[in-house]
Amino acid sequence: MKKILICDSGIGGLNVAARFFRPDAAGDDAEIIYFNAYPAVGKGFNAMRSPRDQEELFRIVLEAMTPFSPDICLIACNTLSIIAQRLAAYYQPPFPIQGILDAATKKMTDALRRNETTPLLLLGTATTIHSGFYQQQLIRQGVKRETIFSLAVPGLATQLESGIDTPEVAEKIAACARQAKQLLPEGTKKLYLGLCCTHFGFASHIWEREFSAVFGAKPTLLDPDQWFGGNAVGKKFRYVSRIPFFGDGQKVMTQFFSGSAPEISGALATAQADPRLFQVPEKFFDKKRG
C-alpha cells in the first residue's frame, strides 16, 4: 500500500488529506500519514527570526519524516513550500516532496485566463504574501499584473485551529474584506479569492458571506486544498504532532470531519502530542539574537 505523508505547519492540510477519503476518490490504495510540523506552542515558522533559521528547522522536520518511509511527502502548506524551495538548493530528503505552490498557481492561472479582467486577491500568511511567489509566477504565466492583488492575514490560521464559526474569525475576515475594498479598483464586484493558506478553506462559507456583504456579490474561491496531491484512495489515516491542538481544536476538527471523512475524525479524536517527534533548538526563537 502506498504511503502518502501530508505535511503542514498546523492542521490546515487536513483539508488536503480529506480529498483521499471522498466517495469519488480514485487511484491506488494509500495510507495517509498527517505530519503536523508546527514547532512549538506559540512558536510557528512565521515567527522565526530569519529565512535561514526556517530552512534549518524544516530540514530537521524532513529528517524526522524518514522513519515513516513515505513514498511521497505532500507539503500542504504555502509557507513550508516556499521554505522547501529555498532549502532544495542544498538539501534533499531521501523521499520525493511536492509543494502546493505549483498546483495552486496552475489552477489560478487557468481561472484568470478564462476571465482576464476579473481581479484576483491573494490571501495568505505574511511569509507567503511577502515572498511574492504567487504574484511572480502568475505574471510569468501571462496573467496581467494589474489584475493581481494581495493581502496578508496574520493570525487567522491559528484562530481557525481553535474554532471556525467564532466571532473572532468572522471579524478577522470581515476586516479583510473591508481592507480589500480599499485595495481593489473602485466598482469591483466580480472577484476571485485565492486562498493561499490551507487553513483558510475551513472558513469558505465565511469568506463568501463577508466579502458578499462588502462587495455586493459572491466571490469565486480558488482553494488549492481541493485539487492538490494527485489521485489515491485513502484506506488508513494516522495523525502525528509534537504539540497538542490549540484551544478546542481537537474537538472542532473531530466534529468538522465526522461526516466527510470519518477515518480522519476518528484518528483526531484519540490523537496525542509526541514532543519527541522532532527537536526544536531554542536558538531559532531567541528574541535576543542579533
Protein backbone atom coordinates (compact mmCIF):
# COMPACT_ATOMS: atom_id res chain seq x y z
CA MET A 1 0.00 0.00 0.00
CA LYS A 2 1.32 3.42 -0.95
CA LYS A 3 2.29 5.78 1.86
CA ILE A 4 1.43 9.44 1.37
CA LEU A 5 2.73 11.78 4.03
CA ILE A 6 0.97 15.15 4.18
CA CYS A 7 2.87 17.88 5.98
CA ASP A 8 1.60 21.23 7.20
CA SER A 9 2.63 23.67 9.92
CA GLY A 10 -0.65 23.21 11.73
CA ILE A 11 -3.79 21.34 10.75
CA GLY A 12 -4.93 23.20 7.63
CA GLY A 13 -3.61 20.39 5.44
CA LEU A 14 -6.28 18.08 6.84
CA ASN A 15 -8.44 19.54 4.06
CA VAL A 16 -5.98 18.04 1.56
CA ALA A 17 -5.99 14.70 3.39
CA ALA A 18 -9.79 14.60 3.30
CA ARG A 19 -9.72 14.54 -0.53
CA PHE A 20 -8.39 10.99 -0.44
CA PHE A 21 -11.35 9.79 1.62
CA ARG A 22 -14.13 11.24 -0.52
CA PRO A 23 -16.55 8.77 -2.16
CA ASP A 24 -15.32 9.86 -5.61
CA ALA A 25 -11.61 9.31 -4.78
CA ALA A 26 -9.83 7.17 -7.39
CA GLY A 27 -6.40 5.58 -7.78
CA ASP A 28 -4.19 3.25 -5.78
CA ASP A 29 -4.98 2.41 -2.16
CA ALA A 30 -2.96 4.55 0.24
CA GLU A 31 -2.14 5.04 3.88
CA ILE A 32 -2.33 8.75 4.64
CA ILE A 33 0.05 9.98 7.35
CA TYR A 34 -0.54 13.53 8.53
CA PHE A 35 2.59 15.18 9.96
CA ASN A 36 1.90 18.41 11.84
CA ALA A 37 5.20 20.31 11.60
CA TYR A 38 4.22 23.19 13.89
CA PRO A 39 7.38 23.55 16.01
CA ALA A 40 6.22 24.61 19.48
CA VAL A 41 3.29 26.29 21.18
CA GLY A 42 3.43 29.98 20.32
CA LYS A 43 6.45 29.46 18.05
CA GLY A 44 5.50 28.91 14.43
CA PHE A 45 7.61 29.16 11.27
CA ASN A 46 6.26 32.64 10.57
CA ALA A 47 7.63 33.83 13.93
CA MET A 48 11.20 32.76 13.22
CA ARG A 49 13.95 35.35 13.03
CA SER A 50 15.43 34.60 9.63
CA PRO A 51 14.83 32.62 6.42
CA ARG A 52 17.96 30.55 7.11
CA ASP A 53 16.60 29.53 10.52
CA GLN A 54 13.37 28.47 8.83
CA GLU A 55 15.34 26.31 6.42
CA GLU A 56 17.41 24.70 9.16
CA LEU A 57 14.34 23.83 11.21
CA PHE A 58 12.45 22.45 8.21
CA ARG A 59 15.44 20.24 7.45
CA ILE A 60 15.08 18.81 10.96
CA VAL A 61 11.38 18.23 10.25
CA LEU A 62 12.09 16.44 6.97
CA GLU A 63 14.67 14.21 8.67
CA ALA A 64 12.04 13.31 11.29
CA MET A 65 9.75 12.06 8.49
CA THR A 66 12.27 9.47 7.29
CA PRO A 67 11.27 6.72 9.79
CA PHE A 68 7.75 6.79 8.32
CA SER A 69 9.19 5.69 4.92
CA PRO A 70 6.81 7.78 2.80
CA ASP A 71 6.56 7.21 -0.93
CA ILE A 72 5.99 10.94 -1.25
CA CYS A 73 5.64 13.96 1.01
CA LEU A 74 2.96 16.46 0.02
CA ILE A 75 3.74 19.84 1.57
CA ALA A 76 0.21 21.14 2.06
CA CYS A 77 1.41 24.48 3.37
CA ASN A 78 2.27 27.57 1.38
CA THR A 79 4.80 28.82 3.93
CA LEU A 80 6.61 25.48 4.15
CA SER A 81 6.52 25.07 0.36
CA ILE A 82 8.33 28.37 -0.01
CA ILE A 83 10.88 27.33 2.64
CA ALA A 84 11.32 23.95 0.91
CA GLN A 85 12.12 25.64 -2.40
CA ARG A 86 14.93 27.60 -0.74
CA LEU A 87 16.15 24.53 1.17
CA ALA A 88 16.30 22.47 -2.05
CA ALA A 89 19.36 24.44 -3.12
CA TYR A 90 21.49 22.47 -0.66
CA TYR A 91 19.42 19.63 0.85
CA GLN A 92 17.17 16.86 -0.45
CA PRO A 93 15.41 14.31 1.80
CA PRO A 94 15.55 10.58 0.91
CA PHE A 95 11.99 10.70 -0.49
CA PRO A 96 10.31 12.91 -3.10
CA ILE A 97 8.49 16.04 -1.99
CA GLN A 98 5.83 18.07 -3.76
CA GLY A 99 4.77 21.54 -2.63
CA ILE A 100 1.34 23.05 -3.06
CA LEU A 101 2.60 26.19 -4.83
CA ASP A 102 2.81 24.92 -8.41
CA ALA A 103 -0.56 23.18 -8.29
CA ALA A 104 -2.19 26.30 -6.88
CA THR A 105 -0.55 28.57 -9.44
CA LYS A 106 -1.77 26.42 -12.33
CA LYS A 107 -5.40 26.50 -11.21
CA MET A 108 -5.32 30.23 -10.57
CA THR A 109 -3.76 30.83 -13.99
CA ASP A 110 -6.44 28.71 -15.68
CA ALA A 111 -9.18 30.68 -13.95
CA LEU A 112 -7.69 34.06 -14.86
CA ARG A 113 -7.18 33.06 -18.48
CA ARG A 114 -10.90 32.33 -18.71
CA ASN A 115 -11.77 35.72 -17.18
CA GLU A 116 -8.84 38.01 -17.88
CA THR A 117 -10.34 41.17 -16.40
CA THR A 118 -11.56 39.68 -13.10
CA PRO A 119 -9.32 40.76 -10.20
CA LEU A 120 -7.60 38.10 -8.12
CA LEU A 121 -6.98 38.79 -4.43
CA LEU A 122 -4.30 36.51 -2.96
CA LEU A 123 -4.81 35.81 0.75
CA GLY A 124 -2.24 34.10 2.96
CA THR A 125 0.22 34.31 5.79
CA ALA A 126 2.80 37.08 5.93
CA THR A 127 5.56 34.72 4.73
CA THR A 128 3.54 33.61 1.71
CA ILE A 129 2.30 37.03 0.64
CA HIS A 130 5.52 38.94 1.26
CA SER A 131 7.54 36.32 -0.66
CA GLY A 132 5.82 37.47 -3.84
CA PHE A 133 5.89 33.90 -5.16
CA TYR A 134 2.35 33.76 -6.49
CA GLN A 135 2.48 37.21 -7.99
CA GLN A 136 5.72 36.40 -9.84
CA GLN A 137 4.56 33.00 -11.07
CA LEU A 138 1.21 34.26 -12.30
CA ILE A 139 2.86 37.10 -14.22
CA ARG A 140 5.30 34.61 -15.79
CA GLN A 141 2.30 32.61 -16.95
CA GLY A 142 0.92 35.63 -18.76
CA VAL A 143 -1.58 36.89 -16.18
CA LYS A 144 -1.93 40.67 -16.32
CA ARG A 145 -0.08 42.32 -13.44
CA GLU A 146 -2.85 44.86 -12.92
CA THR A 147 -5.39 42.13 -12.10
CA ILE A 148 -3.36 40.66 -9.21
CA PHE A 149 -3.70 41.97 -5.66
CA SER A 150 -2.53 40.51 -2.35
CA LEU A 151 -3.30 40.81 1.32
CA ALA A 152 -1.59 39.14 4.29
CA VAL A 153 -3.94 37.89 7.00
CA PRO A 154 -1.66 37.22 10.01
CA GLY A 155 -3.04 35.18 12.88
CA LEU A 156 -6.09 33.78 11.07
CA ALA A 157 -4.64 30.28 10.61
CA THR A 158 -4.10 29.91 14.37
CA GLN A 159 -7.58 31.27 15.12
CA LEU A 160 -9.15 28.71 12.78
CA GLU A 161 -7.41 25.87 14.62
CA SER A 162 -9.21 26.85 17.81
CA GLY A 163 -12.62 27.32 16.23
CA ILE A 164 -14.19 28.10 12.86
CA ASP A 165 -17.57 29.71 13.43
CA THR A 166 -16.40 32.14 16.09
CA PRO A 167 -16.89 35.92 16.36
CA GLU A 168 -13.12 36.39 16.23
CA VAL A 169 -12.78 34.57 12.89
CA ALA A 170 -15.79 36.37 11.42
CA GLU A 171 -14.41 39.79 12.41
CA LYS A 172 -10.94 38.94 11.08
CA ILE A 173 -12.37 38.02 7.69
CA ALA A 174 -14.79 40.98 7.72
CA ALA A 175 -11.85 43.31 8.38
CA CYS A 176 -10.00 41.67 5.49
CA ALA A 177 -12.97 42.34 3.20
CA ARG A 178 -13.00 46.00 4.25
CA GLN A 179 -9.26 46.27 3.53
CA ALA A 180 -9.77 44.63 0.16
CA LYS A 181 -12.46 47.19 -0.72
CA GLN A 182 -9.85 49.93 -0.32
CA LEU A 183 -7.23 47.95 -2.24
CA LEU A 184 -9.20 46.86 -5.30
CA PRO A 185 -10.40 49.07 -8.18
CA GLU A 186 -13.49 51.13 -7.43
CA GLY A 187 -16.67 49.39 -8.51
CA THR A 188 -15.26 45.85 -8.21
CA LYS A 189 -17.96 43.22 -7.75
CA LYS A 190 -16.84 40.05 -9.51
CA LEU A 191 -13.75 38.79 -7.70
CA TYR A 192 -11.51 35.75 -7.31
CA LEU A 193 -10.19 34.98 -3.83
CA GLY A 194 -7.00 32.89 -3.92
CA LEU A 195 -6.84 31.03 -0.60
CA CYS A 196 -3.06 30.73 -0.27
CA CYS A 197 -3.18 29.08 3.15
CA THR A 198 -4.60 25.60 3.66
CA HIS A 199 -6.32 26.70 6.87
CA PHE A 200 -8.41 29.29 5.06
CA GLY A 201 -10.50 26.62 3.35
CA PHE A 202 -12.13 25.73 6.68
CA ALA A 203 -13.85 29.12 6.54
CA SER A 204 -15.03 29.07 2.92
CA HIS A 205 -18.59 29.97 3.90
CA ILE A 206 -17.33 32.93 5.97
CA TRP A 207 -15.16 34.29 3.14
CA GLU A 208 -18.17 34.14 0.84
CA ARG A 209 -20.51 35.75 3.37
CA GLU A 210 -18.27 38.61 4.48
CA PHE A 211 -16.98 39.51 1.02
CA SER A 212 -20.53 39.39 -0.38
CA ALA A 213 -21.59 41.86 2.30
CA VAL A 214 -18.84 44.30 1.35
CA PHE A 215 -18.70 43.87 -2.45
CA GLY A 216 -22.36 43.11 -3.14
CA ALA A 217 -21.58 39.88 -4.98
CA LYS A 218 -20.38 36.42 -4.01
CA PRO A 219 -16.65 35.91 -4.70
CA THR A 220 -15.28 32.85 -6.50
CA LEU A 221 -12.96 30.95 -4.19
CA LEU A 222 -9.83 29.36 -5.63
CA ASP A 223 -8.89 26.81 -2.96
CA PRO A 224 -5.82 24.62 -3.71
CA ASP A 225 -6.87 22.17 -0.98
CA GLN A 226 -9.46 20.81 -3.38
CA TRP A 227 -7.09 19.72 -6.16
CA PHE A 228 -3.59 19.26 -4.72
CA GLY A 229 -1.90 15.86 -4.39
CA GLY A 230 -2.95 13.70 -7.29
CA ASN A 231 -5.16 10.61 -7.09
CA ALA A 232 -5.34 7.91 -4.44
CA VAL A 233 -7.92 6.20 -2.25
CA GLY A 234 -7.30 6.61 1.45
CA LYS A 235 -7.63 3.33 3.36
CA LYS A 236 -5.84 4.26 6.58
CA PHE A 237 -5.17 7.53 8.35
CA ARG A 238 -2.66 8.47 11.02
CA TYR A 239 -2.05 11.86 12.69
CA VAL A 240 1.26 12.80 14.36
CA SER A 241 2.27 16.06 16.01
CA ARG A 242 4.79 17.23 18.62
CA ILE A 243 2.34 19.79 20.04
CA PRO A 244 -1.24 19.47 21.28
CA PHE A 245 -4.15 21.06 19.46
CA PHE A 246 -4.75 24.76 20.01
CA GLY A 247 -7.73 25.57 22.22
CA ASP A 248 -10.71 23.41 21.34
CA GLY A 249 -9.07 22.40 18.07
CA GLN A 250 -9.24 18.67 18.70
CA LYS A 251 -12.98 18.79 19.29
CA VAL A 252 -13.56 21.27 16.46
CA MET A 253 -11.68 19.19 13.86
CA THR A 254 -13.12 15.88 15.06
CA GLN A 255 -16.60 17.29 14.50
CA PHE A 256 -15.67 19.03 11.23
CA PHE A 257 -14.61 15.77 9.54
CA SER A 258 -17.13 13.46 11.22
CA GLY A 259 -19.39 13.39 8.16
CA SER A 260 -17.00 13.91 5.25
CA ALA A 261 -14.04 11.80 6.43
CA PRO A 262 -14.84 9.60 9.46
CA GLU A 263 -11.40 7.93 9.25
CA ILE A 264 -9.80 11.32 9.89
CA SER A 265 -12.34 12.25 12.55
CA GLY A 266 -11.72 9.01 14.47
CA ALA A 267 -7.95 9.44 14.42
CA LEU A 268 -8.14 13.05 15.57
CA ALA A 269 -10.45 12.16 18.45
CA THR A 270 -7.75 10.00 20.06
CA ALA A 271 -4.62 11.82 18.84
CA GLN A 272 -1.96 12.73 21.41
CA ALA A 273 1.06 15.00 21.11
CA ASP A 274 4.52 13.43 20.92
CA PRO A 275 7.19 16.01 21.87
CA ARG A 276 9.87 13.55 20.72
CA LEU A 277 8.69 13.74 17.11
CA PHE A 278 11.46 16.23 16.30
CA GLN A 279 13.70 18.60 18.20
CA VAL A 280 13.30 22.38 18.10
CA PRO A 281 16.50 24.26 19.01
CA GLU A 282 15.54 27.21 21.19
CA LYS A 283 18.03 29.46 19.38
CA PHE A 284 15.65 29.73 16.44
CA PHE A 285 13.18 31.68 18.55
CA ASP A 286 15.55 33.55 20.87
CA LYS A 287 14.44 37.19 20.66
CA LYS A 288 17.79 38.38 21.97
CA ARG A 289 19.65 37.02 18.98
CA GLY A 290 21.03 39.63 16.59
